Amino acid sequence: MSEAIAAPVEAPLRTAHKRRYLMCVPSHFTVSYSINPWMEPSRPTDTARALAQWQTLYDAYRDLGHEVELIDPLPGFPDMVYTANGGFVVDGIAYGPSFRYVERQGEAPAFIDWFRANGFETVVPEEVNEGEGDFLLAGDVILAGTGFRSTGDSHAEVARVFGREVVSLDLVDPRFYHLDTALSVLDPVEDATTGPANIAYLPGAFDERSRAILAERFPDAIRVSDEDGAVFGLNSASDGYNVFISPRAKGFEAQLRERGYNPVLVDLSELLLGGGGIKCCTLELRGAK
């Protein structure tokens, strides 16, 4: 008797949700100092190429119906293009940044002023934190990274500010110094069709305790290879259907397609020289206006 052939499992029907993002034109992008393992000041950078790649991402968001706000770039702050580090915004409340390294500390007042001018209830932090680089909203839960930039005290502070459960995760690989370089929230909101928020992550970027937490809370998560993580494949943005990722993350691209997502490939290789990718250049604005 021949064995029964299992029917193929159909991927869930994904739904795109309109998002609102804050970005910053990389007019002053260069690598003149090193505050992460990706930055090598001796290696030349091409500002014009960074601008062109950034414009492709901006256009991709707009073409798919997302709204993009802009904050003015400041001379002398080449990393301001990485707006995800400029705050964490939920329910119309903007929790401002407090950067660890002096090279970026001058950006904080500009982000805080922008939030205030655009109608957000703005909280000036007491603790060191680098915004959505280390805080990611997954359904009703805030996933919070620590180990290299944001401190554990900021996790308690963000819990008080937003009145939500915060799950602390410890990063252990210096290449993945922010949470958004090692973990991506694929379903930004709970959806009646696809169920609760889900994620993709790089297991090797986290300590054993954190891996156990992620496995328990997100049993259906996509576990991404180190090869795809190393090209910042997880530094991605998702609207629940379209997932904006690096074209070099081939394995992750295939995993997304298998799950019913639509990978949108955007090359930000020049901006990766500063240790940032798609998500780093994208701060989500939730509420207010």
C-alpha atoms as a PDB file:
ATOM      1  CA  MET A   1       0.000   0.000   0.000  1.00  0.00           C
ATOM      2  CA  SER A   2       1.437   3.365  -0.960  1.00  0.00           C
ATOM      3  CA  GLU A   3       1.878   6.010   1.715  1.00  0.00           C
ATOM      4  CA  ALA A   4      -0.614   8.850   1.783  1.00  0.00           C
ATOM      5  CA  ILE A   5       0.766  12.104   0.470  1.00  0.00           C
ATOM      6  CA  ALA A   6       0.171  14.980   2.841  1.00  0.00           C
ATOM      7  CA  ALA A   7      -1.668  17.902   1.347  1.00  0.00           C
ATOM      8  CA  PRO A   8       0.421  21.092   1.144  1.00  0.00           C
ATOM      9  CA  VAL A   9      -0.188  23.508   3.975  1.00  0.00           C
ATOM     10  CA  GLU A  10      -1.592  26.774   2.689  1.00  0.00           C
ATOM     11  CA  ALA A  11       0.041  29.951   3.960  1.00  0.00           C
ATOM     12  CA  PRO A  12      -2.276  32.323   5.839  1.00  0.00           C
ATOM     13  CA  LEU A  13      -3.843  35.143   3.882  1.00  0.00           C
ATOM     14  CA  ARG A  14      -1.853  38.169   4.993  1.00  0.00           C
ATOM     15  CA  THR A  15      -3.257  41.683   5.226  1.00  0.00           C
ATOM     16  CA  ALA A  16      -1.323  44.899   4.669  1.00  0.00           C
ATOM     17  CA  HIS A  17      -2.006  47.672   7.196  1.00  0.00           C
ATOM     18  CA  LYS A  18      -1.252  51.295   6.403  1.00  0.00           C
ATOM     19  CA  ARG A  19       1.671  52.563   8.453  1.00  0.00           C
ATOM     20  CA  ARG A  20       3.068  56.017   9.216  1.00  0.00           C
ATOM     21  CA  TYR A  21       6.839  56.371   9.365  1.00  0.00           C
ATOM     22  CA  LEU A  22       9.436  59.009  10.259  1.00  0.00           C
ATOM     23  CA  MET A  23      12.550  59.139   8.080  1.00  0.00           C
ATOM     24  CA  CYS A  24      15.535  61.453   7.608  1.00  0.00           C
ATOM     25  CA  VAL A  25      17.321  62.171   4.338  1.00  0.00           C
ATOM     26  CA  PRO A  26      20.985  61.043   4.657  1.00  0.00           C
ATOM     27  CA  SER A  27      22.345  64.357   3.374  1.00  0.00           C
ATOM     28  CA  HIS A  28      25.306  64.206   5.763  1.00  0.00           C
ATOM     29  CA  PHE A  29      25.899  60.456   5.782  1.00  0.00           C
ATOM     30  CA  THR A  30      29.480  59.298   6.207  1.00  0.00           C
ATOM     31  CA  VAL A  31      31.431  57.088   8.605  1.00  0.00           C
ATOM     32  CA  SER A  32      33.826  59.314  10.532  1.00  0.00           C
ATOM     33  CA  TYR A  33      33.875  57.402  13.851  1.00  0.00           C
ATOM     34  CA  SER A  34      33.167  53.899  15.105  1.00  0.00           C
ATOM     35  CA  ILE A  35      30.470  53.084  17.667  1.00  0.00           C
ATOM     36  CA  ASN A  36      29.556  49.619  16.347  1.00  0.00           C
ATOM     37  CA  PRO A  37      31.453  46.771  14.655  1.00  0.00           C
ATOM     38  CA  TRP A  38      30.176  47.704  11.199  1.00  0.00           C
ATOM     39  CA  MET A  39      31.720  51.182  11.181  1.00  0.00           C
ATOM     40  CA  GLU A  40      35.224  51.517   9.714  1.00  0.00           C
ATOM     41  CA  PRO A  41      36.205  55.188   9.268  1.00  0.00           C
ATOM     42  CA  SER A  42      39.107  54.212   7.019  1.00  0.00           C
ATOM     43  CA  ARG A  43      36.691  52.732   4.473  1.00  0.00           C
ATOM     44  CA  PRO A  44      35.328  55.310   1.999  1.00  0.00           C
ATOM     45  CA  THR A  45      31.593  55.986   1.851  1.00  0.00           C
ATOM     46  CA  ASP A  46      29.506  57.397  -0.975  1.00  0.00           C
ATOM     47  CA  THR A  47      26.909  59.896   0.241  1.00  0.00           C
ATOM     48  CA  ALA A  48      25.262  60.132  -3.194  1.00  0.00           C
ATOM     49  CA  ARG A  49      24.810  56.356  -3.283  1.00  0.00           C
ATOM     50  CA  ALA A  50      23.395  56.371   0.247  1.00  0.00           C
ATOM     51  CA  LEU A  51      20.915  59.053  -0.824  1.00  0.00           C
ATOM     52  CA  ALA A  52      19.828  57.070  -3.886  1.00  0.00           C
ATOM     53  CA  GLN A  53      19.345  53.853  -1.892  1.00  0.00           C
ATOM     54  CA  TRP A  54      17.443  55.696   0.834  1.00  0.00           C
ATOM     55  CA  GLN A  55      15.195  57.286  -1.817  1.00  0.00           C
ATOM     56  CA  THR A  56      14.339  53.815  -3.114  1.00  0.00           C
ATOM     57  CA  LEU A  57      13.130  52.810   0.340  1.00  0.00           C
ATOM     58  CA  TYR A  58      11.163  56.047   0.748  1.00  0.00           C
ATOM     59  CA  ASP A  59       9.517  55.541  -2.638  1.00  0.00           C
ATOM     60  CA  ALA A  60       8.703  51.898  -1.863  1.00  0.00           C
ATOM     61  CA  TYR A  61       6.823  52.921   1.273  1.00  0.00           C
ATOM     62  CA  ARG A  62       4.917  55.638  -0.539  1.00  0.00           C
ATOM     63  CA  ASP A  63       4.112  53.430  -3.528  1.00  0.00           C
ATOM     64  CA  LEU A  64       2.491  50.871  -1.213  1.00  0.00           C
ATOM     65  CA  GLY A  65       0.304  53.476   0.451  1.00  0.00           C
ATOM     66  CA  HIS A  66       2.278  54.230   3.600  1.00  0.00           C
ATOM     67  CA  GLU A  67       2.678  57.739   4.923  1.00  0.00           C
ATOM     68  CA  VAL A  68       6.198  59.073   5.453  1.00  0.00           C
ATOM     69  CA  GLU A  69       7.086  62.131   7.546  1.00  0.00           C
ATOM     70  CA  LEU A  70      10.538  63.709   7.435  1.00  0.00           C
ATOM     71  CA  ILE A  71      12.760  65.211  10.109  1.00  0.00           C
ATOM     72  CA  ASP A  72      15.411  67.671   8.963  1.00  0.00           C
ATOM     73  CA  PRO A  73      18.964  66.273   8.970  1.00  0.00           C
ATOM     74  CA  LEU A  74      21.475  68.122  11.139  1.00  0.00           C
ATOM     75  CA  PRO A  75      25.026  68.815   9.933  1.00  0.00           C
ATOM     76  CA  GLY A  76      27.564  66.930  11.994  1.00  0.00           C
ATOM     77  CA  PHE A  77      25.213  64.036  12.788  1.00  0.00           C
ATOM     78  CA  PRO A  78      25.707  61.472  10.017  1.00  0.00           C
ATOM     79  CA  ASP A  79      23.767  58.778  11.899  1.00  0.00           C
ATOM     80  CA  MET A  80      20.562  60.803  12.067  1.00  0.00           C
ATOM     81  CA  VAL A  81      19.357  58.855   9.030  1.00  0.00           C
ATOM     82  CA  TYR A  82      18.785  55.967  11.461  1.00  0.00           C
ATOM     83  CA  THR A  83      15.552  57.443  12.783  1.00  0.00           C
ATOM     84  CA  ALA A  84      14.461  54.236  14.514  1.00  0.00           C
ATOM     85  CA  ASN A  85      16.859  55.200  17.306  1.00  0.00           C
ATOM     86  CA  GLY A  86      15.138  58.566  17.715  1.00  0.00           C
ATOM     87  CA  GLY A  87      12.240  57.410  19.864  1.00  0.00           C
ATOM     88  CA  PHE A  88       9.478  54.884  20.503  1.00  0.00           C
ATOM     89  CA  VAL A  89       5.926  55.926  19.662  1.00  0.00           C
ATOM     90  CA  VAL A  90       2.744  54.142  20.753  1.00  0.00           C
ATOM     91  CA  ASP A  91      -0.823  55.457  21.210  1.00  0.00           C
ATOM     92  CA  GLY A  92       0.214  59.012  20.433  1.00  0.00           C
ATOM     93  CA  ILE A  93       2.893  59.006  23.153  1.00  0.00           C
ATOM     94  CA  ALA A  94       6.498  59.570  22.062  1.00  0.00           C
ATOM     95  CA  TYR A  95       9.217  58.308  24.400  1.00  0.00           C
ATOM     96  CA  GLY A  96      12.330  60.228  23.419  1.00  0.00           C
ATOM     97  CA  PRO A  97      15.880  58.915  23.042  1.00  0.00           C
ATOM     98  CA  SER A  98      18.896  59.230  25.283  1.00  0.00           C
ATOM     99  CA  PHE A  99      21.855  58.017  23.254  1.00  0.00           C
ATOM    100  CA  ARG A 100      24.693  56.093  24.836  1.00  0.00           C
ATOM    101  CA  TYR A 101      27.479  57.560  22.722  1.00  0.00           C
ATOM    102  CA  VAL A 102      28.342  61.253  22.689  1.00  0.00           C
ATOM    103  CA  GLU A 103      28.562  61.202  18.881  1.00  0.00           C
ATOM    104  CA  ARG A 104      24.760  60.839  18.673  1.00  0.00           C
ATOM    105  CA  GLN A 105      23.597  62.678  21.778  1.00  0.00           C
ATOM    106  CA  GLY A 106      23.010  65.922  19.889  1.00  0.00           C
ATOM    107  CA  GLU A 107      20.262  64.235  17.868  1.00  0.00           C
ATOM    108  CA  ALA A 108      17.991  63.720  20.881  1.00  0.00           C
ATOM    109  CA  PRO A 109      16.695  67.324  21.234  1.00  0.00           C
ATOM    110  CA  ALA A 110      15.821  67.415  17.522  1.00  0.00           C
ATOM    111  CA  PHE A 111      13.687  64.279  17.768  1.00  0.00           C
ATOM    112  CA  ILE A 112      11.998  65.452  20.959  1.00  0.00           C
ATOM    113  CA  ASP A 113      11.222  68.830  19.383  1.00  0.00           C
ATOM    114  CA  TRP A 114       9.813  67.107  16.294  1.00  0.00           C
ATOM    115  CA  PHE A 115       7.469  64.949  18.387  1.00  0.00           C
ATOM    116  CA  ARG A 116       6.193  67.954  20.292  1.00  0.00           C
ATOM    117  CA  ALA A 117       5.685  70.024  17.145  1.00  0.00           C
ATOM    118  CA  ASN A 118       3.699  67.199  15.551  1.00  0.00           C
ATOM    119  CA  GLY A 119       1.183  66.676  18.323  1.00  0.00           C
ATOM    120  CA  PHE A 120       2.647  63.769  20.260  1.00  0.00           C
ATOM    121  CA  GLU A 121       2.540  63.618  24.037  1.00  0.00           C
ATOM    122  CA  THR A 122       6.289  63.624  24.533  1.00  0.00           C
ATOM    123  CA  VAL A 123       8.215  62.003  27.371  1.00  0.00           C
ATOM    124  CA  VAL A 124      11.837  63.037  27.934  1.00  0.00           C
ATOM    125  CA  PRO A 125      13.628  59.924  29.228  1.00  0.00           C
ATOM    126  CA  GLU A 126      15.716  59.624  32.361  1.00  0.00           C
ATOM    127  CA  GLU A 127      17.366  56.376  31.238  1.00  0.00           C
ATOM    128  CA  VAL A 128      19.718  55.562  28.378  1.00  0.00           C
ATOM    129  CA  ASN A 129      17.692  54.191  25.475  1.00  0.00           C
ATOM    130  CA  GLU A 130      17.907  54.218  21.693  1.00  0.00           C
ATOM    131  CA  GLY A 131      14.250  54.145  20.811  1.00  0.00           C
ATOM    132  CA  GLU A 132      12.784  51.633  18.427  1.00  0.00           C
ATOM    133  CA  GLY A 133      16.239  50.248  17.881  1.00  0.00           C
ATOM    134  CA  ASP A 134      15.722  48.369  21.149  1.00  0.00           C
ATOM    135  CA  PHE A 135      11.921  48.565  21.649  1.00  0.00           C
ATOM    136  CA  LEU A 136       9.610  46.676  19.300  1.00  0.00           C
ATOM    137  CA  LEU A 137       5.838  46.420  19.674  1.00  0.00           C
ATOM    138  CA  ALA A 138       4.524  42.891  19.121  1.00  0.00           C
ATOM    139  CA  GLY A 139       0.778  42.957  19.626  1.00  0.00           C
ATOM    140  CA  ASP A 140       0.230  44.309  23.134  1.00  0.00           C
ATOM    141  CA  VAL A 141       3.725  43.415  24.336  1.00  0.00           C
ATOM    142  CA  ILE A 142       6.889  45.520  24.098  1.00  0.00           C
ATOM    143  CA  LEU A 143       9.997  43.469  23.330  1.00  0.00           C
ATOM    144  CA  ALA A 144      13.013  45.281  24.767  1.00  0.00           C
ATOM    145  CA  GLY A 145      16.659  44.680  23.969  1.00  0.00           C
ATOM    146  CA  THR A 146      19.645  45.291  26.215  1.00  0.00           C
ATOM    147  CA  GLY A 147      23.298  44.381  26.299  1.00  0.00           C
ATOM    148  CA  PHE A 148      24.966  47.020  24.154  1.00  0.00           C
ATOM    149  CA  ARG A 149      22.951  50.274  23.964  1.00  0.00           C
ATOM    150  CA  SER A 150      19.684  50.669  25.902  1.00  0.00           C
ATOM    151  CA  THR A 151      19.939  49.801  29.593  1.00  0.00           C
ATOM    152  CA  GLY A 152      17.698  47.577  31.668  1.00  0.00           C
ATOM    153  CA  ASP A 153      16.488  50.602  33.633  1.00  0.00           C
ATOM    154  CA  SER A 154      14.975  51.988  30.425  1.00  0.00           C
ATOM    155  CA  HIS A 155      12.873  48.817  30.185  1.00  0.00           C
ATOM    156  CA  ALA A 156      11.215  49.641  33.486  1.00  0.00           C
ATOM    157  CA  GLU A 157      10.797  53.253  32.403  1.00  0.00           C
ATOM    158  CA  VAL A 158       9.131  52.337  29.107  1.00  0.00           C
ATOM    159  CA  ALA A 159       6.771  49.985  30.954  1.00  0.00           C
ATOM    160  CA  ARG A 160       5.665  52.890  33.154  1.00  0.00           C
ATOM    161  CA  VAL A 161       5.278  55.273  30.227  1.00  0.00           C
ATOM    162  CA  PHE A 162       3.101  52.990  28.123  1.00  0.00           C
ATOM    163  CA  GLY A 163       1.478  50.810  30.784  1.00  0.00           C
ATOM    164  CA  ARG A 164       2.276  47.656  28.813  1.00  0.00           C
ATOM    165  CA  GLU A 165       4.099  44.438  29.547  1.00  0.00           C
ATOM    166  CA  VAL A 166       7.778  44.682  28.661  1.00  0.00           C
ATOM    167  CA  VAL A 167       9.770  41.547  27.884  1.00  0.00           C
ATOM    168  CA  SER A 168      13.521  42.033  28.321  1.00  0.00           C
ATOM    169  CA  LEU A 169      15.833  40.234  25.903  1.00  0.00           C
ATOM    170  CA  ASP A 170      19.622  40.110  26.243  1.00  0.00           C
ATOM    171  CA  LEU A 171      21.751  40.577  23.138  1.00  0.00           C
ATOM    172  CA  VAL A 172      25.146  38.868  23.230  1.00  0.00           C
ATOM    173  CA  ASP A 173      26.640  39.269  19.732  1.00  0.00           C
ATOM    174  CA  PRO A 174      28.171  42.744  19.222  1.00  0.00           C
ATOM    175  CA  ARG A 175      27.314  42.661  15.506  1.00  0.00           C
ATOM    176  CA  PHE A 176      23.669  42.809  16.553  1.00  0.00           C
ATOM    177  CA  TYR A 177      23.884  45.650  19.021  1.00  0.00           C
ATOM    178  CA  HIS A 178      20.243  46.742  18.758  1.00  0.00           C
ATOM    179  CA  LEU A 179      17.192  44.503  19.012  1.00  0.00           C
ATOM    180  CA  ASP A 180      15.977  45.563  15.568  1.00  0.00           C
ATOM    181  CA  THR A 181      19.087  44.063  13.967  1.00  0.00           C
ATOM    182  CA  ALA A 182      18.269  40.591  15.318  1.00  0.00           C
ATOM    183  CA  LEU A 183      14.469  40.504  15.497  1.00  0.00           C
ATOM    184  CA  SER A 184      11.680  41.694  13.233  1.00  0.00           C
ATOM    185  CA  VAL A 185       7.970  41.959  14.056  1.00  0.00           C
ATOM    186  CA  LEU A 186       6.178  40.575  11.006  1.00  0.00           C
ATOM    187  CA  ASP A 187       2.577  41.189  12.075  1.00  0.00           C
ATOM    188  CA  PRO A 188       2.469  44.675  13.597  1.00  0.00           C
ATOM    189  CA  VAL A 189      -1.095  44.214  14.836  1.00  0.00           C
ATOM    190  CA  GLU A 190      -3.205  41.227  15.757  1.00  0.00           C
ATOM    191  CA  ASP A 191      -5.293  40.213  12.778  1.00  0.00           C
ATOM    192  CA  ALA A 192      -8.473  38.162  12.758  1.00  0.00           C
ATOM    193  CA  THR A 193      -7.174  36.252   9.724  1.00  0.00           C
ATOM    194  CA  THR A 194      -3.592  35.539  10.746  1.00  0.00           C
ATOM    195  CA  GLY A 195      -3.875  35.583  14.534  1.00  0.00           C
ATOM    196  CA  PRO A 196      -1.526  37.200  17.050  1.00  0.00           C
ATOM    197  CA  ALA A 197       1.602  39.146  16.256  1.00  0.00           C
ATOM    198  CA  ASN A 198       4.473  37.016  15.080  1.00  0.00           C
ATOM    199  CA  ILE A 199       8.198  37.594  14.659  1.00  0.00           C
ATOM    200  CA  ALA A 200      11.368  36.464  12.948  1.00  0.00           C
ATOM    201  CA  TYR A 201      14.642  36.386  14.839  1.00  0.00           C
ATOM    202  CA  LEU A 202      18.266  35.265  14.857  1.00  0.00           C
ATOM    203  CA  PRO A 203      18.674  32.789  17.758  1.00  0.00           C
ATOM    204  CA  GLY A 204      22.445  33.233  18.045  1.00  0.00           C
ATOM    205  CA  ALA A 205      22.105  36.944  18.798  1.00  0.00           C
ATOM    206  CA  PHE A 206      20.450  36.206  22.166  1.00  0.00           C
ATOM    207  CA  ASP A 207      21.460  34.528  25.404  1.00  0.00           C
ATOM    208  CA  GLU A 208      19.938  31.221  26.446  1.00  0.00           C
ATOM    209  CA  ARG A 209      17.304  32.792  28.706  1.00  0.00           C
ATOM    210  CA  SER A 210      16.085  35.086  25.943  1.00  0.00           C
ATOM    211  CA  ARG A 211      15.970  32.272  23.385  1.00  0.00           C
ATOM    212  CA  ALA A 212      13.765  30.280  25.761  1.00  0.00           C
ATOM    213  CA  ILE A 213      11.422  33.249  26.181  1.00  0.00           C
ATOM    214  CA  LEU A 214      11.122  33.759  22.437  1.00  0.00           C
ATOM    215  CA  ALA A 215      10.524  30.062  21.802  1.00  0.00           C
ATOM    216  CA  GLU A 216       7.752  29.979  24.392  1.00  0.00           C
ATOM    217  CA  ARG A 217       6.007  33.204  23.396  1.00  0.00           C
ATOM    218  CA  PHE A 218       6.438  32.896  19.635  1.00  0.00           C
ATOM    219  CA  PRO A 219       6.410  29.186  18.772  1.00  0.00           C
ATOM    220  CA  ASP A 220       5.601  29.946  15.119  1.00  0.00           C
ATOM    221  CA  ALA A 221       8.411  32.464  14.701  1.00  0.00           C
ATOM    222  CA  ILE A 222      10.728  32.303  11.704  1.00  0.00           C
ATOM    223  CA  ARG A 223      14.224  31.436  12.864  1.00  0.00           C
ATOM    224  CA  VAL A 224      16.680  33.106  10.530  1.00  0.00           C
ATOM    225  CA  SER A 225      20.164  31.857   9.664  1.00  0.00           C
ATOM    226  CA  ASP A 226      23.319  33.677  10.691  1.00  0.00           C
ATOM    227  CA  GLU A 227      24.085  34.135   6.999  1.00  0.00           C
ATOM    228  CA  ASP A 228      20.908  36.165   6.512  1.00  0.00           C
ATOM    229  CA  GLY A 229      21.301  37.958   9.838  1.00  0.00           C
ATOM    230  CA  ALA A 230      24.813  39.061   8.887  1.00  0.00           C
ATOM    231  CA  VAL A 231      23.467  41.046   5.911  1.00  0.00           C
ATOM    232  CA  PHE A 232      20.924  42.738   8.206  1.00  0.00           C
ATOM    233  CA  GLY A 233      18.078  40.659   6.808  1.00  0.00           C
ATOM    234  CA  LEU A 234      16.190  41.058  10.076  1.00  0.00           C
ATOM    235  CA  ASN A 235      16.556  44.821  10.095  1.00  0.00           C
ATOM    236  CA  SER A 236      13.293  44.982   8.211  1.00  0.00           C
ATOM    237  CA  ALA A 237       9.915  46.698   8.268  1.00  0.00           C
ATOM    238  CA  SER A 238       6.562  44.970   7.813  1.00  0.00           C
ATOM    239  CA  ASP A 239       2.990  46.112   7.274  1.00  0.00           C
ATOM    240  CA  GLY A 240       1.633  42.632   7.906  1.00  0.00           C
ATOM    241  CA  TYR A 241       1.925  41.536   4.275  1.00  0.00           C
ATOM    242  CA  ASN A 242       4.741  43.453   2.619  1.00  0.00           C
ATOM    243  CA  VAL A 243       8.075  42.907   4.367  1.00  0.00           C
ATOM    244  CA  PHE A 244      10.860  45.265   3.312  1.00  0.00           C
ATOM    245  CA  ILE A 245      14.141  43.338   3.459  1.00  0.00           C
ATOM    246  CA  SER A 246      17.685  43.259   2.127  1.00  0.00           C
ATOM    247  CA  PRO A 247      17.963  41.514  -1.278  1.00  0.00           C
ATOM    248  CA  ARG A 248      20.977  39.628   0.078  1.00  0.00           C
ATOM    249  CA  ALA A 249      18.897  37.763   2.686  1.00  0.00           C
ATOM    250  CA  LYS A 250      17.934  34.999   0.260  1.00  0.00           C
ATOM    251  CA  GLY A 251      17.020  32.379   2.840  1.00  0.00           C
ATOM    252  CA  PHE A 252      14.857  34.792   4.807  1.00  0.00           C
ATOM    253  CA  GLU A 253      13.160  35.880   1.590  1.00  0.00           C
ATOM    254  CA  ALA A 254      12.197  32.259   0.865  1.00  0.00           C
ATOM    255  CA  GLN A 255      10.983  31.747   4.450  1.00  0.00           C
ATOM    256  CA  LEU A 256       8.748  34.813   4.183  1.00  0.00           C
ATOM    257  CA  ARG A 257       7.221  33.655   0.906  1.00  0.00           C
ATOM    258  CA  GLU A 258       6.474  30.250   2.420  1.00  0.00           C
ATOM    259  CA  ARG A 259       4.539  31.985   5.205  1.00  0.00           C
ATOM    260  CA  GLY A 260       2.455  34.091   2.830  1.00  0.00           C
ATOM    261  CA  TYR A 261       4.337  37.382   3.133  1.00  0.00           C
ATOM    262  CA  ASN A 262       5.443  39.503   0.194  1.00  0.00           C
ATOM    263  CA  PRO A 263       9.156  40.368   0.441  1.00  0.00           C
ATOM    264  CA  VAL A 264       9.976  43.805  -0.963  1.00  0.00           C
ATOM    265  CA  LEU A 265      13.689  43.910  -1.715  1.00  0.00           C
ATOM    266  CA  VAL A 266      15.512  47.178  -1.031  1.00  0.00           C
ATOM    267  CA  ASP A 267      19.296  47.461  -1.105  1.00  0.00           C
ATOM    268  CA  LEU A 268      20.711  49.749   1.601  1.00  0.00           C
ATOM    269  CA  SER A 269      24.257  48.363   1.398  1.00  0.00           C
ATOM    270  CA  GLU A 270      25.856  51.817   1.608  1.00  0.00           C
ATOM    271  CA  LEU A 271      23.992  52.648   4.819  1.00  0.00           C
ATOM    272  CA  LEU A 272      25.024  49.263   6.226  1.00  0.00           C
ATOM    273  CA  LEU A 273      28.554  50.708   6.367  1.00  0.00           C
ATOM    274  CA  GLY A 274      27.252  52.777   9.286  1.00  0.00           C
ATOM    275  CA  GLY A 275      25.647  49.745  10.924  1.00  0.00           C
ATOM    276  CA  GLY A 276      22.091  50.403   9.794  1.00  0.00           C
ATOM    277  CA  GLY A 277      19.524  48.964   7.413  1.00  0.00           C
ATOM    278  CA  ILE A 278      15.869  49.295   6.505  1.00  0.00           C
ATOM    279  CA  LYS A 279      14.412  49.278  10.005  1.00  0.00           C
ATOM    280  CA  CYS A 280      17.141  51.554  11.321  1.00  0.00           C
ATOM    281  CA  CYS A 281      15.974  54.152   8.782  1.00  0.00           C
ATOM    282  CA  THR A 282      12.314  53.734   9.757  1.00  0.00           C
ATOM    283  CA  LEU A 283      10.632  54.940  12.946  1.00  0.00           C
ATOM    284  CA  GLU A 284       6.962  53.953  13.173  1.00  0.00           C
ATOM    285  CA  LEU A 285       4.578  56.659  14.326  1.00  0.00           C
ATOM    286  CA  ARG A 286       1.541  55.164  16.067  1.00  0.00           C
ATOM    287  CA  GLY A 287      -1.298  57.502  16.923  1.00  0.00           C
ATOM    288  CA  ALA A 288      -1.576  61.322  17.039  1.00  0.00           C
ATOM    289  CA  LYS A 289      -1.800  63.678  14.064  1.00  0.00           C
END
